C-alpha atoms as a PDB file:
ATOM      1  CA  MET A   1      56.735 -24.226  88.574  1.00  0.00           C
ATOM      2  CA  SER A   2      58.248 -27.316  87.079  1.00  0.00           C
ATOM      3  CA  ALA A   3      61.358 -27.055  84.965  1.00  0.00           C
ATOM      4  CA  LYS A   4      61.081 -28.122  81.343  1.00  0.00           C
ATOM      5  CA  LYS A   5      63.387 -30.930  80.376  1.00  0.00           C
ATOM      6  CA  GLU A   6      65.577 -30.111  77.392  1.00  0.00           C
ATOM      7  CA  VAL A   7      65.413 -32.867  74.752  1.00  0.00           C
ATOM      8  CA  ASN A   8      68.332 -33.299  72.384  1.00  0.00           C
ATOM      9  CA  LEU A   9      67.234 -35.145  69.255  1.00  0.00           C
ATOM     10  CA  ASN A  10      70.690 -36.178  68.145  1.00  0.00           C
ATOM     11  CA  SER A  11      70.168 -38.627  65.285  1.00  0.00           C
ATOM     12  CA  ASN A  12      72.829 -40.951  66.721  1.00  0.00           C
ATOM     13  CA  ASP A  13      70.781 -41.430  69.898  1.00  0.00           C
ATOM     14  CA  TYR A  14      67.459 -42.303  68.203  1.00  0.00           C
ATOM     15  CA  LYS A  15      66.233 -44.620  65.497  1.00  0.00           C
ATOM     16  CA  SER A  16      63.206 -44.126  63.258  1.00  0.00           C
ATOM     17  CA  MET A  17      60.452 -46.682  63.699  1.00  0.00           C
ATOM     18  CA  VAL A  18      56.848 -47.037  62.610  1.00  0.00           C
ATOM     19  CA  LEU A  19      54.103 -47.979  65.050  1.00  0.00           C
ATOM     20  CA  PHE A  20      51.242 -49.966  63.499  1.00  0.00           C
ATOM     21  CA  SER A  21      47.990 -50.713  65.280  1.00  0.00           C
ATOM     22  CA  TYR A  22      45.565 -52.902  63.370  1.00  0.00           C
ATOM     23  CA  SER A  23      42.254 -54.718  63.619  1.00  0.00           C
ATOM     24  CA  THR A  24      41.418 -58.324  62.759  1.00  0.00           C
ATOM     25  CA  LYS A  25      37.717 -58.067  63.664  1.00  0.00           C
ATOM     26  CA  HIS A  26      36.705 -58.576  60.035  1.00  0.00           C
ATOM     27  CA  LEU A  27      38.466 -61.954  59.780  1.00  0.00           C
ATOM     28  CA  LEU A  28      36.704 -65.262  60.348  1.00  0.00           C
ATOM     29  CA  LYS A  29      38.190 -67.387  63.122  1.00  0.00           C
ATOM     30  CA  LYS A  30      39.951 -69.712  60.649  1.00  0.00           C
ATOM     31  CA  ASP A  31      41.383 -66.706  58.806  1.00  0.00           C
ATOM     32  CA  LYS A  32      42.612 -65.151  62.071  1.00  0.00           C
ATOM     33  CA  VAL A  33      44.597 -68.339  62.695  1.00  0.00           C
ATOM     34  CA  ARG A  34      46.104 -68.116  59.196  1.00  0.00           C
ATOM     35  CA  PHE A  35      46.841 -64.406  59.748  1.00  0.00           C
ATOM     36  CA  TYR A  36      48.678 -65.071  63.015  1.00  0.00           C
ATOM     37  CA  TYR A  37      50.652 -67.927  61.424  1.00  0.00           C
ATOM     38  CA  ALA A  38      51.727 -65.509  58.675  1.00  0.00           C
ATOM     39  CA  LEU A  39      52.510 -62.862  61.293  1.00  0.00           C
ATOM     40  CA  LYS A  40      54.357 -64.958  63.887  1.00  0.00           C
ATOM     41  CA  GLY A  41      54.986 -68.239  62.077  1.00  0.00           C
ATOM     42  CA  ARG A  42      53.853 -71.665  63.205  1.00  0.00           C
ATOM     43  CA  ASP A  43      57.059 -72.252  65.138  1.00  0.00           C
ATOM     44  CA  GLY A  44      57.310 -68.745  66.596  1.00  0.00           C
ATOM     45  CA  LYS A  45      60.533 -68.232  64.661  1.00  0.00           C
ATOM     46  CA  SER A  46      59.336 -67.529  61.136  1.00  0.00           C
ATOM     47  CA  GLY A  47      56.743 -65.131  59.839  1.00  0.00           C
ATOM     48  CA  ILE A  48      56.906 -61.432  59.108  1.00  0.00           C
ATOM     49  CA  VAL A  49      57.656 -60.521  62.750  1.00  0.00           C
ATOM     50  CA  LYS A  50      60.961 -62.385  62.593  1.00  0.00           C
ATOM     51  CA  SER A  51      61.921 -61.510  59.016  1.00  0.00           C
ATOM     52  CA  CYS A  52      61.292 -57.766  59.527  1.00  0.00           C
ATOM     53  CA  LYS A  53      62.721 -57.544  63.066  1.00  0.00           C
ATOM     54  CA  ILE A  54      59.369 -56.369  64.453  1.00  0.00           C
ATOM     55  CA  ASP A  55      58.637 -55.846  68.149  1.00  0.00           C
ATOM     56  CA  HIS A  56      55.143 -57.235  68.773  1.00  0.00           C
ATOM     57  CA  LEU A  57      54.161 -54.827  71.566  1.00  0.00           C
ATOM     58  CA  GLY A  58      50.607 -56.051  72.092  1.00  0.00           C
ATOM     59  CA  ARG A  59      47.895 -58.152  70.553  1.00  0.00           C
ATOM     60  CA  THR A  60      47.406 -55.696  67.675  1.00  0.00           C
ATOM     61  CA  VAL A  61      50.398 -53.356  67.955  1.00  0.00           C
ATOM     62  CA  LEU A  62      53.647 -53.674  66.014  1.00  0.00           C
ATOM     63  CA  LEU A  63      56.801 -51.564  66.272  1.00  0.00           C
ATOM     64  CA  VAL A  64      58.556 -51.822  62.922  1.00  0.00           C
ATOM     65  CA  PRO A  65      61.977 -50.556  61.788  1.00  0.00           C
ATOM     66  CA  GLU A  66      61.405 -47.818  59.222  1.00  0.00           C
ATOM     67  CA  LYS A  67      63.020 -49.784  56.382  1.00  0.00           C
ATOM     68  CA  TYR A  68      60.392 -52.566  56.748  1.00  0.00           C
ATOM     69  CA  ALA A  69      57.339 -50.287  57.104  1.00  0.00           C
ATOM     70  CA  GLU A  70      56.245 -50.614  53.473  1.00  0.00           C
ATOM     71  CA  GLU A  71      56.471 -54.425  53.618  1.00  0.00           C
ATOM     72  CA  VAL A  72      54.347 -54.526  56.802  1.00  0.00           C
ATOM     73  CA  GLU A  73      51.828 -52.110  55.300  1.00  0.00           C
ATOM     74  CA  GLU A  74      51.474 -54.389  52.245  1.00  0.00           C
ATOM     75  CA  PHE A  75      51.068 -57.393  54.563  1.00  0.00           C
ATOM     76  CA  LEU A  76      48.205 -55.691  56.436  1.00  0.00           C
ATOM     77  CA  LYS A  77      46.586 -54.571  53.168  1.00  0.00           C
ATOM     78  CA  PHE A  78      46.797 -58.142  51.830  1.00  0.00           C
ATOM     79  CA  TRP A  79      44.808 -59.315  54.867  1.00  0.00           C
ATOM     80  CA  LYS A  80      42.438 -56.316  54.468  1.00  0.00           C
ATOM     81  CA  CYS A  81      43.181 -55.144  58.013  1.00  0.00           C
ATOM     82  CA  LYS A  82      42.302 -51.597  58.975  1.00  0.00           C
ATOM     83  CA  PHE A  83      45.377 -50.023  60.500  1.00  0.00           C
ATOM     84  CA  ASP A  84      46.863 -46.837  61.903  1.00  0.00           C
ATOM     85  CA  LYS A  85      50.460 -45.950  61.202  1.00  0.00           C
ATOM     86  CA  LYS A  86      52.573 -43.488  63.187  1.00  0.00           C
ATOM     87  CA  GLU A  87      56.219 -42.589  62.689  1.00  0.00           C
ATOM     88  CA  VAL A  88      58.116 -42.497  65.980  1.00  0.00           C
ATOM     89  CA  LEU A  89      61.649 -41.999  67.286  1.00  0.00           C
ATOM     90  CA  ILE A  90      62.944 -44.583  69.729  1.00  0.00           C
ATOM     91  CA  LYS A  91      65.955 -44.002  71.944  1.00  0.00           C
ATOM     92  CA  LYS A  92      68.673 -46.573  71.221  1.00  0.00           C
END
């Protein structure tokens, strides 16, 4: 038998984040370019990823601090992207 690992969810050790996965399949190629400029910025330093301190984990996956989740959700709705949203705890 394997021993179960005890997990202590001390709030000081974890931070609340929101994991978004989204689709851009509905966008035309020119609109995908505009979407990614809005997401990442033209210079890689501006855009919602920088302003909301987002970790861009993959092509269509964003890890967002909880306080910016509503702003990111509105951004995805503006672009009419279908998305999934999951609240997660991340160890600091």
